[in-house]
Amino acid sequence: MLTLLAAAVLVPLGTRGQVSMPLPAGGVPYRAGATVRSPRGAATAVKLCPEESTMGPAVCRVVLARPGQGPLTLKAGVVGDLFWTPDGQYLIGAGVNTLRLWNLNGGLRLAVPQGSPEAAAARRDARLTRIWLERGVLCAALYEVWFTDTGKVVRRNVTTVRYALPTLRPLASVTLPAQGDRAADCFKSSAEP
């Protein structure tokens, strides 16, 4: 359980004690959002979000709490989904359209999932809708809408891209026409029914 203080969050680390994480300065009240502890207990990631945001979706920060060390604000920490790899060595996050992978020292790798090839004379809007681990790889589901300059929708796709860990090297992708909230399977080829 997190304890919110006037200017800090106390993050318990099990038998390893606790870490006090200062809240961002600026007079804006923050809340502790998602808190995910690494499987081996070597670190806890805390998503700190402004209580109210007048700039659209809340711009949250991800801070890493580690035993015996000060808190570490992670670069590119504006994420929705947040979870650890099973070995606890890497924290994975997903922004609107970018994957992030941090190590325990705050080192960062980024990947932007690429969906289907460009439709002729069309623009693309793509959003990550889900990330998950399956068979030892990272899977990222992407919803794409292709439209003309006048706003007419040309095509809608769902693409799932498979990534090697910890390199975030793309391994394969599956693209299907969008139908409701169906997602493309991480291991099924586009040719399979």
N, C-alpha and C. Protein backbone atom coordinates (compact mmCIF):
# COMPACT_ATOMS: atom_id res chain seq x y z
N MET A 1 0.84 -1.18 0.00
CA MET A 1 0.00 0.00 0.00
C MET A 1 0.88 1.24 0.00
N LEU A 2 0.54 2.21 -0.81
CA LEU A 2 1.27 3.47 -0.87
C LEU A 2 0.74 4.43 0.17
N THR A 3 1.63 5.22 0.72
CA THR A 3 1.24 6.25 1.66
C THR A 3 1.54 7.59 1.01
N LEU A 4 0.52 8.42 0.83
CA LEU A 4 0.72 9.75 0.25
C LEU A 4 1.00 10.75 1.36
N LEU A 5 2.10 11.45 1.22
CA LEU A 5 2.44 12.52 2.15
C LEU A 5 2.24 13.84 1.41
N ALA A 6 2.42 14.96 2.08
CA ALA A 6 2.20 16.25 1.43
C ALA A 6 3.10 16.43 0.21
N ALA A 7 4.34 15.96 0.26
CA ALA A 7 5.26 16.19 -0.85
C ALA A 7 5.92 14.91 -1.34
N ALA A 8 5.45 13.74 -0.89
CA ALA A 8 6.12 12.50 -1.28
C ALA A 8 5.16 11.32 -1.21
N VAL A 9 5.58 10.23 -1.81
CA VAL A 9 4.87 8.96 -1.74
C VAL A 9 5.82 7.96 -1.11
N LEU A 10 5.37 7.25 -0.09
CA LEU A 10 6.19 6.18 0.50
C LEU A 10 5.84 4.88 -0.21
N VAL A 11 6.84 4.27 -0.85
CA VAL A 11 6.63 3.04 -1.60
C VAL A 11 7.22 1.88 -0.82
N PRO A 12 6.37 0.94 -0.36
CA PRO A 12 6.89 -0.21 0.37
C PRO A 12 7.58 -1.17 -0.61
N LEU A 13 8.71 -1.74 -0.16
CA LEU A 13 9.45 -2.70 -0.97
C LEU A 13 9.56 -4.03 -0.24
N GLY A 14 8.48 -4.42 0.43
CA GLY A 14 8.46 -5.70 1.13
C GLY A 14 9.50 -5.73 2.24
N THR A 15 10.26 -6.80 2.30
CA THR A 15 11.28 -6.96 3.33
C THR A 15 12.47 -6.02 3.11
N ARG A 16 12.51 -5.35 1.96
CA ARG A 16 13.63 -4.46 1.65
C ARG A 16 13.39 -3.04 2.15
N GLY A 17 12.31 -2.79 2.88
CA GLY A 17 12.03 -1.47 3.44
C GLY A 17 11.10 -0.67 2.57
N GLN A 18 11.32 0.64 2.52
CA GLN A 18 10.48 1.52 1.72
C GLN A 18 11.33 2.66 1.17
N VAL A 19 10.82 3.30 0.14
CA VAL A 19 11.50 4.43 -0.48
C VAL A 19 10.54 5.60 -0.49
N SER A 20 11.03 6.78 -0.14
CA SER A 20 10.22 7.99 -0.21
C SER A 20 10.47 8.64 -1.56
N MET A 21 9.40 8.81 -2.34
CA MET A 21 9.49 9.41 -3.67
C MET A 21 8.87 10.79 -3.62
N PRO A 22 9.67 11.86 -3.87
CA PRO A 22 9.08 13.20 -3.86
C PRO A 22 8.09 13.36 -5.01
N LEU A 23 7.00 14.05 -4.76
CA LEU A 23 6.03 14.36 -5.81
C LEU A 23 6.58 15.50 -6.66
N PRO A 24 6.23 15.55 -7.95
CA PRO A 24 6.71 16.64 -8.81
C PRO A 24 6.31 18.00 -8.23
N ALA A 25 7.20 18.97 -8.40
CA ALA A 25 6.95 20.33 -7.90
C ALA A 25 6.01 21.06 -8.83
N GLY A 26 5.53 22.19 -8.41
CA GLY A 26 4.71 23.02 -9.29
C GLY A 26 3.34 23.32 -8.74
N GLY A 27 3.03 22.87 -7.54
CA GLY A 27 1.76 23.20 -6.92
C GLY A 27 0.57 22.40 -7.42
N VAL A 28 0.78 21.48 -8.35
CA VAL A 28 -0.32 20.65 -8.86
C VAL A 28 -0.41 19.40 -7.99
N PRO A 29 -1.60 19.09 -7.47
CA PRO A 29 -1.71 17.87 -6.67
C PRO A 29 -1.57 16.62 -7.56
N TYR A 30 -0.76 15.68 -7.11
CA TYR A 30 -0.55 14.42 -7.83
C TYR A 30 -1.16 13.26 -7.07
N ARG A 31 -1.45 12.20 -7.80
CA ARG A 31 -1.91 10.95 -7.18
C ARG A 31 -1.05 9.83 -7.71
N ALA A 32 -0.91 8.81 -6.90
CA ALA A 32 -0.19 7.62 -7.35
C ALA A 32 -1.17 6.77 -8.14
N GLY A 33 -0.87 6.56 -9.42
CA GLY A 33 -1.71 5.71 -10.27
C GLY A 33 -1.27 4.27 -10.13
N ALA A 34 -1.00 3.63 -11.25
CA ALA A 34 -0.57 2.23 -11.24
C ALA A 34 0.73 2.08 -10.46
N THR A 35 0.80 1.03 -9.68
CA THR A 35 2.02 0.67 -8.96
C THR A 35 2.29 -0.79 -9.28
N VAL A 36 3.45 -1.05 -9.87
CA VAL A 36 3.78 -2.43 -10.24
C VAL A 36 5.15 -2.80 -9.66
N ARG A 37 5.16 -3.88 -8.91
CA ARG A 37 6.38 -4.36 -8.27
C ARG A 37 7.02 -5.42 -9.15
N SER A 38 8.34 -5.34 -9.29
CA SER A 38 9.04 -6.32 -10.11
C SER A 38 8.91 -7.71 -9.48
N PRO A 39 8.88 -8.77 -10.30
CA PRO A 39 8.68 -10.12 -9.77
C PRO A 39 9.71 -10.53 -8.71
N ARG A 40 10.93 -10.04 -8.81
CA ARG A 40 11.95 -10.39 -7.83
C ARG A 40 12.04 -9.39 -6.69
N GLY A 41 11.19 -8.35 -6.73
CA GLY A 41 11.17 -7.36 -5.66
C GLY A 41 12.32 -6.37 -5.69
N ALA A 42 13.08 -6.32 -6.80
CA ALA A 42 14.23 -5.43 -6.89
C ALA A 42 13.82 -3.97 -7.12
N ALA A 43 12.58 -3.74 -7.53
CA ALA A 43 12.13 -2.37 -7.80
C ALA A 43 10.61 -2.33 -7.85
N THR A 44 10.09 -1.14 -7.67
CA THR A 44 8.66 -0.87 -7.84
C THR A 44 8.53 0.35 -8.72
N ALA A 45 7.67 0.26 -9.74
CA ALA A 45 7.40 1.41 -10.61
C ALA A 45 6.08 2.02 -10.17
N VAL A 46 6.08 3.34 -10.06
CA VAL A 46 4.87 4.07 -9.66
C VAL A 46 4.57 5.11 -10.73
N LYS A 47 3.32 5.10 -11.19
CA LYS A 47 2.89 6.11 -12.15
C LYS A 47 2.25 7.24 -11.35
N LEU A 48 2.86 8.44 -11.42
CA LEU A 48 2.34 9.62 -10.72
C LEU A 48 1.61 10.49 -11.72
N CYS A 49 0.36 10.81 -11.44
CA CYS A 49 -0.48 11.57 -12.37
C CYS A 49 -1.05 12.79 -11.67
N PRO A 50 -1.18 13.90 -12.41
CA PRO A 50 -1.83 15.07 -11.81
C PRO A 50 -3.27 14.74 -11.45
N GLU A 51 -3.75 15.28 -10.34
CA GLU A 51 -5.14 15.06 -9.92
C GLU A 51 -6.10 15.51 -11.00
N GLU A 52 -5.85 16.67 -11.57
CA GLU A 52 -6.70 17.21 -12.63
C GLU A 52 -5.79 17.69 -13.74
N SER A 53 -6.23 17.46 -14.96
CA SER A 53 -5.45 17.93 -16.09
C SER A 53 -6.33 18.78 -16.98
N THR A 54 -5.89 20.00 -17.23
CA THR A 54 -6.63 20.87 -18.13
C THR A 54 -6.11 20.74 -19.56
N MET A 55 -5.10 19.90 -19.75
CA MET A 55 -4.47 19.74 -21.06
C MET A 55 -4.86 18.41 -21.70
N GLY A 56 -6.08 17.94 -21.49
CA GLY A 56 -6.49 16.65 -22.07
C GLY A 56 -6.09 15.52 -21.14
N PRO A 57 -5.69 14.35 -21.71
CA PRO A 57 -5.33 13.21 -20.87
C PRO A 57 -4.19 13.57 -19.92
N ALA A 58 -4.25 13.02 -18.74
CA ALA A 58 -3.25 13.30 -17.71
C ALA A 58 -1.86 12.92 -18.21
N VAL A 59 -0.91 13.80 -17.97
CA VAL A 59 0.49 13.53 -18.32
C VAL A 59 1.13 12.96 -17.07
N CYS A 60 1.21 11.67 -17.02
CA CYS A 60 1.76 10.98 -15.86
C CYS A 60 3.26 10.78 -16.01
N ARG A 61 3.92 10.57 -14.91
CA ARG A 61 5.35 10.25 -14.88
C ARG A 61 5.50 8.88 -14.25
N VAL A 62 6.51 8.15 -14.70
CA VAL A 62 6.81 6.87 -14.09
C VAL A 62 8.10 7.02 -13.30
N VAL A 63 8.03 6.65 -12.02
CA VAL A 63 9.18 6.76 -11.14
C VAL A 63 9.51 5.37 -10.63
N LEU A 64 10.80 5.05 -10.66
CA LEU A 64 11.28 3.74 -10.21
C LEU A 64 11.83 3.87 -8.80
N ALA A 65 11.30 3.05 -7.90
CA ALA A 65 11.80 3.01 -6.52
C ALA A 65 12.60 1.72 -6.36
N ARG A 66 13.86 1.86 -5.87
CA ARG A 66 14.74 0.72 -5.70
C ARG A 66 15.34 0.75 -4.30
N PRO A 67 15.49 -0.41 -3.66
CA PRO A 67 16.04 -0.43 -2.30
C PRO A 67 17.43 0.19 -2.25
N GLY A 68 17.65 1.05 -1.26
CA GLY A 68 18.97 1.64 -1.04
C GLY A 68 19.36 2.71 -2.05
N GLN A 69 18.46 3.10 -2.93
CA GLN A 69 18.75 4.13 -3.93
C GLN A 69 17.64 5.15 -3.94
N GLY A 70 17.94 6.32 -4.43
CA GLY A 70 16.92 7.35 -4.56
C GLY A 70 15.97 7.02 -5.69
N PRO A 71 14.80 7.65 -5.70
CA PRO A 71 13.84 7.40 -6.79
C PRO A 71 14.40 7.89 -8.12
N LEU A 72 14.03 7.23 -9.19
CA LEU A 72 14.51 7.55 -10.53
C LEU A 72 13.31 7.81 -11.44
N THR A 73 13.16 9.06 -11.91
CA THR A 73 12.10 9.37 -12.86
C THR A 73 12.53 8.88 -14.23
N LEU A 74 11.72 8.03 -14.84
CA LEU A 74 12.09 7.41 -16.11
C LEU A 74 11.80 8.35 -17.27
N LYS A 75 12.70 8.36 -18.26
CA LYS A 75 12.51 9.15 -19.47
C LYS A 75 11.34 8.59 -20.25
N ALA A 76 10.62 9.45 -20.96
CA ALA A 76 9.49 9.04 -21.81
C ALA A 76 8.47 8.23 -21.01
N GLY A 77 8.17 8.71 -19.81
CA GLY A 77 7.30 7.97 -18.90
C GLY A 77 5.82 8.21 -19.07
N VAL A 78 5.39 8.84 -20.15
CA VAL A 78 3.96 9.07 -20.37
C VAL A 78 3.39 7.79 -20.99
N VAL A 79 2.83 6.94 -20.15
CA VAL A 79 2.36 5.63 -20.60
C VAL A 79 0.99 5.31 -20.02
N GLY A 80 0.31 4.39 -20.67
CA GLY A 80 -0.93 3.84 -20.14
C GLY A 80 -0.61 2.52 -19.46
N ASP A 81 -0.42 1.48 -20.26
CA ASP A 81 -0.08 0.16 -19.73
C ASP A 81 1.33 0.15 -19.17
N LEU A 82 1.54 -0.64 -18.12
CA LEU A 82 2.83 -0.72 -17.46
C LEU A 82 2.94 -2.08 -16.80
N PHE A 83 3.99 -2.86 -17.13
CA PHE A 83 4.23 -4.14 -16.47
C PHE A 83 5.68 -4.56 -16.61
N TRP A 84 6.09 -5.54 -15.79
CA TRP A 84 7.46 -6.04 -15.77
C TRP A 84 7.58 -7.31 -16.62
N THR A 85 8.78 -7.54 -17.14
CA THR A 85 9.06 -8.84 -17.75
C THR A 85 9.10 -9.86 -16.62
N PRO A 86 8.86 -11.15 -16.92
CA PRO A 86 8.83 -12.16 -15.86
C PRO A 86 10.12 -12.25 -15.03
N ASP A 87 11.28 -11.93 -15.63
CA ASP A 87 12.54 -11.99 -14.88
C ASP A 87 12.79 -10.74 -14.05
N GLY A 88 11.92 -9.72 -14.17
CA GLY A 88 12.05 -8.51 -13.37
C GLY A 88 13.18 -7.59 -13.79
N GLN A 89 13.80 -7.83 -14.93
CA GLN A 89 14.91 -7.01 -15.39
C GLN A 89 14.47 -5.78 -16.18
N TYR A 90 13.25 -5.83 -16.74
CA TYR A 90 12.79 -4.75 -17.61
C TYR A 90 11.35 -4.37 -17.29
N LEU A 91 11.09 -3.07 -17.38
CA LEU A 91 9.74 -2.52 -17.23
C LEU A 91 9.27 -2.13 -18.62
N ILE A 92 8.06 -2.53 -18.99
CA ILE A 92 7.51 -2.26 -20.30
C ILE A 92 6.33 -1.31 -20.15
N GLY A 93 6.28 -0.32 -21.02
CA GLY A 93 5.17 0.64 -21.02
C GLY A 93 4.72 0.92 -22.43
N ALA A 94 3.47 1.34 -22.56
CA ALA A 94 2.93 1.70 -23.87
C ALA A 94 2.33 3.09 -23.79
N GLY A 95 2.77 3.94 -24.72
CA GLY A 95 2.17 5.26 -24.88
C GLY A 95 1.05 5.15 -25.89
N VAL A 96 0.69 6.25 -26.51
CA VAL A 96 -0.38 6.24 -27.50
C VAL A 96 0.01 5.38 -28.70
N ASN A 97 1.26 5.54 -29.15
CA ASN A 97 1.70 4.76 -30.31
C ASN A 97 3.16 4.32 -30.22
N THR A 98 3.73 4.33 -29.02
CA THR A 98 5.13 3.98 -28.83
C THR A 98 5.29 2.99 -27.68
N LEU A 99 6.13 1.98 -27.90
CA LEU A 99 6.49 1.03 -26.84
C LEU A 99 7.75 1.54 -26.14
N ARG A 100 7.83 1.33 -24.84
CA ARG A 100 9.01 1.71 -24.07
C ARG A 100 9.46 0.53 -23.24
N LEU A 101 10.78 0.36 -23.16
CA LEU A 101 11.35 -0.70 -22.35
C LEU A 101 12.50 -0.09 -21.56
N TRP A 102 12.39 -0.11 -20.22
CA TRP A 102 13.42 0.45 -19.35
C TRP A 102 14.12 -0.67 -18.60
N ASN A 103 15.42 -0.50 -18.34
CA ASN A 103 16.11 -1.42 -17.45
C ASN A 103 16.08 -0.83 -16.04
N LEU A 104 16.68 -1.52 -15.08
CA LEU A 104 16.62 -1.07 -13.68
C LEU A 104 17.43 0.20 -13.42
N ASN A 105 18.29 0.60 -14.37
CA ASN A 105 19.06 1.83 -14.22
C ASN A 105 18.43 3.00 -14.97
N GLY A 106 17.26 2.78 -15.58
CA GLY A 106 16.58 3.84 -16.29
C GLY A 106 16.92 3.92 -17.77
N GLY A 107 17.79 3.02 -18.25
CA GLY A 107 18.09 2.98 -19.69
C GLY A 107 16.82 2.68 -20.46
N LEU A 108 16.68 3.30 -21.64
CA LEU A 108 15.42 3.25 -22.37
C LEU A 108 15.61 2.77 -23.80
N ARG A 109 14.71 1.92 -24.26
CA ARG A 109 14.59 1.56 -25.67
C ARG A 109 13.17 1.90 -26.10
N LEU A 110 13.04 2.41 -27.32
CA LEU A 110 11.73 2.77 -27.86
C LEU A 110 11.47 2.01 -29.15
N ALA A 111 10.20 1.73 -29.41
CA ALA A 111 9.80 1.14 -30.69
C ALA A 111 8.44 1.72 -31.06
N VAL A 112 8.28 2.01 -32.34
CA VAL A 112 7.00 2.50 -32.86
C VAL A 112 6.46 1.40 -33.77
N PRO A 113 5.40 0.70 -33.34
CA PRO A 113 4.86 -0.38 -34.17
C PRO A 113 4.44 0.13 -35.55
N GLN A 114 4.86 -0.58 -36.57
CA GLN A 114 4.49 -0.25 -37.94
C GLN A 114 3.38 -1.20 -38.36
N GLY A 115 2.31 -0.65 -38.84
CA GLY A 115 1.17 -1.46 -39.26
C GLY A 115 1.25 -1.80 -40.72
N SER A 116 0.12 -1.78 -41.36
CA SER A 116 0.02 -2.15 -42.77
C SER A 116 0.67 -1.09 -43.65
N PRO A 117 1.08 -1.48 -44.87
CA PRO A 117 1.66 -0.50 -45.79
C PRO A 117 0.67 0.62 -46.09
N GLU A 118 1.22 1.76 -46.44
CA GLU A 118 0.39 2.95 -46.66
C GLU A 118 -0.62 2.77 -47.78
N ALA A 119 -1.83 3.18 -47.51
CA ALA A 119 -2.87 3.20 -48.54
C ALA A 119 -2.59 4.39 -49.46
N ALA A 120 -2.82 4.23 -50.75
CA ALA A 120 -2.56 5.29 -51.71
C ALA A 120 -3.33 6.56 -51.34
N ALA A 121 -2.62 7.69 -51.36
CA ALA A 121 -3.21 9.01 -51.10
C ALA A 121 -4.03 9.06 -49.82
N ALA A 122 -3.54 8.42 -48.77
CA ALA A 122 -4.28 8.43 -47.50
C ALA A 122 -3.32 8.75 -46.35
N ARG A 123 -3.90 9.26 -45.25
CA ARG A 123 -3.15 9.52 -44.01
C ARG A 123 -3.54 8.47 -42.99
N ARG A 124 -2.67 8.27 -42.03
CA ARG A 124 -2.91 7.22 -41.05
C ARG A 124 -2.95 7.79 -39.64
N ASP A 125 -3.88 7.28 -38.85
CA ASP A 125 -3.92 7.53 -37.42
C ASP A 125 -3.83 6.16 -36.77
N ALA A 126 -2.83 5.95 -35.94
CA ALA A 126 -2.64 4.63 -35.32
C ALA A 126 -2.51 4.79 -33.82
N ARG A 127 -3.11 3.86 -33.08
CA ARG A 127 -3.07 3.86 -31.61
C ARG A 127 -2.81 2.45 -31.10
N LEU A 128 -1.92 2.36 -30.12
CA LEU A 128 -1.73 1.07 -29.45
C LEU A 128 -2.96 0.82 -28.59
N THR A 129 -3.53 -0.35 -28.71
CA THR A 129 -4.72 -0.67 -27.91
C THR A 129 -4.43 -1.68 -26.82
N ARG A 130 -3.33 -2.44 -26.97
CA ARG A 130 -3.03 -3.47 -25.97
C ARG A 130 -1.59 -3.93 -26.15
N ILE A 131 -0.91 -4.22 -25.05
CA ILE A 131 0.39 -4.89 -25.10
C ILE A 131 0.35 -6.05 -24.12
N TRP A 132 1.06 -7.14 -24.44
CA TRP A 132 1.09 -8.30 -23.57
C TRP A 132 2.29 -9.16 -23.91
N LEU A 133 2.65 -10.04 -22.97
CA LEU A 133 3.72 -11.01 -23.19
C LEU A 133 3.10 -12.35 -23.54
N GLU A 134 3.66 -13.01 -24.56
CA GLU A 134 3.18 -14.32 -24.96
C GLU A 134 4.36 -15.11 -25.52
N ARG A 135 4.56 -16.31 -25.01
CA ARG A 135 5.65 -17.20 -25.47
C ARG A 135 7.01 -16.51 -25.46
N GLY A 136 7.23 -15.67 -24.47
CA GLY A 136 8.52 -15.03 -24.31
C GLY A 136 8.78 -13.82 -25.19
N VAL A 137 7.78 -13.35 -25.91
CA VAL A 137 7.95 -12.15 -26.74
C VAL A 137 6.90 -11.11 -26.35
N LEU A 138 7.14 -9.88 -26.74
CA LEU A 138 6.20 -8.80 -26.50
C LEU A 138 5.28 -8.66 -27.70
N CYS A 139 3.99 -8.61 -27.47
CA CYS A 139 2.99 -8.43 -28.53
C CYS A 139 2.34 -7.07 -28.33
N ALA A 140 2.19 -6.34 -29.45
CA ALA A 140 1.58 -5.01 -29.40
C ALA A 140 0.48 -4.92 -30.43
N ALA A 141 -0.75 -4.65 -30.00
CA ALA A 141 -1.90 -4.52 -30.91
C ALA A 141 -2.08 -3.05 -31.26
N LEU A 142 -2.27 -2.80 -32.55
CA LEU A 142 -2.36 -1.45 -33.09
C LEU A 142 -3.65 -1.33 -33.88
N TYR A 143 -4.41 -0.27 -33.63
CA TYR A 143 -5.63 0.01 -34.41
C TYR A 143 -5.29 1.16 -35.35
N GLU A 144 -5.49 0.95 -36.64
CA GLU A 144 -5.13 1.94 -37.65
C GLU A 144 -6.37 2.39 -38.42
N VAL A 145 -6.45 3.68 -38.66
CA VAL A 145 -7.49 4.23 -39.52
C VAL A 145 -6.78 5.03 -40.61
N TRP A 146 -7.07 4.69 -41.86
CA TRP A 146 -6.53 5.41 -43.01
C TRP A 146 -7.64 6.31 -43.55
N PHE A 147 -7.30 7.58 -43.81
CA PHE A 147 -8.32 8.51 -44.28
C PHE A 147 -7.72 9.49 -45.29
N THR A 148 -8.58 10.10 -46.10
CA THR A 148 -8.15 11.08 -47.10
C THR A 148 -8.01 12.44 -46.44
N ASP A 149 -7.51 13.41 -47.20
CA ASP A 149 -7.38 14.78 -46.70
C ASP A 149 -8.72 15.39 -46.32
N THR A 150 -9.79 14.90 -46.92
CA THR A 150 -11.13 15.42 -46.62
C THR A 150 -11.76 14.72 -45.42
N GLY A 151 -11.08 13.71 -44.86
CA GLY A 151 -11.59 13.00 -43.69
C GLY A 151 -12.34 11.72 -43.99
N LYS A 152 -12.47 11.35 -45.24
CA LYS A 152 -13.17 10.12 -45.59
C LYS A 152 -12.31 8.91 -45.21
N VAL A 153 -12.89 7.98 -44.46
CA VAL A 153 -12.16 6.79 -44.04
C VAL A 153 -11.99 5.86 -45.24
N VAL A 154 -10.75 5.48 -45.50
CA VAL A 154 -10.42 4.60 -46.61
C VAL A 154 -10.35 3.15 -46.14
N ARG A 155 -9.75 2.95 -44.96
CA ARG A 155 -9.53 1.59 -44.47
C ARG A 155 -9.31 1.62 -42.96
N ARG A 156 -9.73 0.54 -42.30
CA ARG A 156 -9.46 0.33 -40.87
C ARG A 156 -8.82 -1.04 -40.72
N ASN A 157 -7.72 -1.08 -39.97
CA ASN A 157 -7.00 -2.34 -39.75
C ASN A 157 -6.71 -2.54 -38.28
N VAL A 158 -6.48 -3.78 -37.90
CA VAL A 158 -5.87 -4.11 -36.62
C VAL A 158 -4.61 -4.89 -36.95
N THR A 159 -3.50 -4.45 -36.38
CA THR A 159 -2.22 -5.09 -36.62
C THR A 159 -1.62 -5.46 -35.27
N THR A 160 -1.09 -6.66 -35.16
CA THR A 160 -0.34 -7.05 -33.97
C THR A 160 1.09 -7.31 -34.40
N VAL A 161 2.02 -6.66 -33.70
CA VAL A 161 3.45 -6.80 -34.00
C VAL A 161 4.10 -7.56 -32.85
N ARG A 162 4.96 -8.51 -33.20
CA ARG A 162 5.70 -9.33 -32.24
C ARG A 162 7.13 -8.79 -32.14
N TYR A 163 7.62 -8.58 -30.88
CA TYR A 163 8.96 -8.03 -30.64
C TYR A 163 9.80 -8.97 -29.80
N ALA A 164 11.10 -9.04 -30.13
CA ALA A 164 12.05 -9.78 -29.31
C ALA A 164 12.39 -8.93 -28.08
N LEU A 165 12.59 -9.58 -26.97
CA LEU A 165 13.01 -8.90 -25.74
C LEU A 165 14.43 -9.30 -25.41
N PRO A 166 15.28 -8.42 -24.96
CA PRO A 166 15.02 -7.02 -24.61
C PRO A 166 15.34 -6.03 -25.73
N THR A 167 15.55 -6.50 -26.94
CA THR A 167 16.00 -5.61 -28.02
C THR A 167 14.89 -4.77 -28.64
N LEU A 168 13.63 -5.18 -28.50
CA LEU A 168 12.48 -4.57 -29.17
C LEU A 168 12.63 -4.64 -30.69
N ARG A 169 13.33 -5.68 -31.16
CA ARG A 169 13.46 -5.90 -32.60
C ARG A 169 12.16 -6.53 -33.10
N PRO A 170 11.53 -5.94 -34.14
CA PRO A 170 10.29 -6.54 -34.67
C PRO A 170 10.59 -7.91 -35.27
N LEU A 171 9.76 -8.89 -34.94
CA LEU A 171 9.92 -10.25 -35.45
C LEU A 171 8.93 -10.56 -36.56
N ALA A 172 7.70 -10.17 -36.39
CA ALA A 172 6.65 -10.46 -37.37
C ALA A 172 5.44 -9.61 -37.04
N SER A 173 4.53 -9.51 -38.00
CA SER A 173 3.28 -8.80 -37.73
C SER A 173 2.13 -9.49 -38.45
N VAL A 174 0.95 -9.28 -37.93
CA VAL A 174 -0.29 -9.82 -38.49
C VAL A 174 -1.26 -8.66 -38.63
N THR A 175 -1.81 -8.47 -39.83
CA THR A 175 -2.77 -7.39 -40.07
C THR A 175 -4.07 -7.98 -40.58
N LEU A 176 -5.17 -7.53 -39.98
CA LEU A 176 -6.51 -7.96 -40.39
C LEU A 176 -7.39 -6.73 -40.55
N PRO A 177 -8.43 -6.83 -41.37
CA PRO A 177 -9.40 -5.73 -41.42
C PRO A 177 -10.07 -5.58 -40.05
N ALA A 178 -10.27 -4.35 -39.62
CA ALA A 178 -10.89 -4.11 -38.32
C ALA A 178 -12.35 -4.53 -38.36
N GLN A 179 -12.76 -5.28 -37.33
CA GLN A 179 -14.16 -5.71 -37.17
C GLN A 179 -14.48 -5.64 -35.70
N GLY A 180 -15.23 -4.63 -35.30
CA GLY A 180 -15.55 -4.47 -33.88
C GLY A 180 -14.29 -4.25 -33.09
N ASP A 181 -14.15 -4.96 -31.96
CA ASP A 181 -12.95 -4.82 -31.16
C ASP A 181 -12.03 -6.04 -31.29
N ARG A 182 -12.14 -6.74 -32.41
CA ARG A 182 -11.28 -7.91 -32.67
C ARG A 182 -9.83 -7.45 -32.80
N ALA A 183 -8.92 -8.22 -32.25
CA ALA A 183 -7.49 -7.95 -32.38
C ALA A 183 -6.85 -9.07 -33.19
N ALA A 184 -5.78 -8.75 -33.88
CA ALA A 184 -5.04 -9.76 -34.61
C ALA A 184 -4.25 -10.59 -33.60
N ASP A 185 -4.22 -11.90 -33.79
CA ASP A 185 -3.49 -12.80 -32.91
C ASP A 185 -1.99 -12.56 -33.07
N CYS A 186 -1.24 -12.72 -32.00
CA CYS A 186 0.19 -12.46 -32.03
C CYS A 186 0.95 -13.50 -32.85
N PHE A 187 0.42 -14.72 -32.97
CA PHE A 187 1.15 -15.79 -33.64
C PHE A 187 0.44 -16.37 -34.84
N LYS A 188 -0.64 -15.78 -35.28
CA LYS A 188 -1.36 -16.28 -36.47
C LYS A 188 -0.92 -15.45 -37.67
N SER A 189 -0.73 -16.10 -38.81
CA SER A 189 -0.33 -15.33 -40.00
C SER A 189 -1.55 -14.65 -40.59
N SER A 190 -1.32 -13.58 -41.37
CA SER A 190 -2.41 -12.83 -42.00
C SER A 190 -3.19 -13.69 -42.98
N ALA A 191 -2.56 -14.74 -43.50
CA ALA A 191 -3.21 -15.59 -44.52
C ALA A 191 -4.17 -16.61 -43.90
N GLU A 192 -3.99 -16.89 -42.59
CA GLU A 192 -4.86 -17.88 -41.95
C GLU A 192 -6.25 -17.28 -41.73
N PRO A 193 -7.32 -18.12 -41.79
CA PRO A 193 -8.68 -17.60 -41.56
C PRO A 193 -8.90 -17.24 -40.11
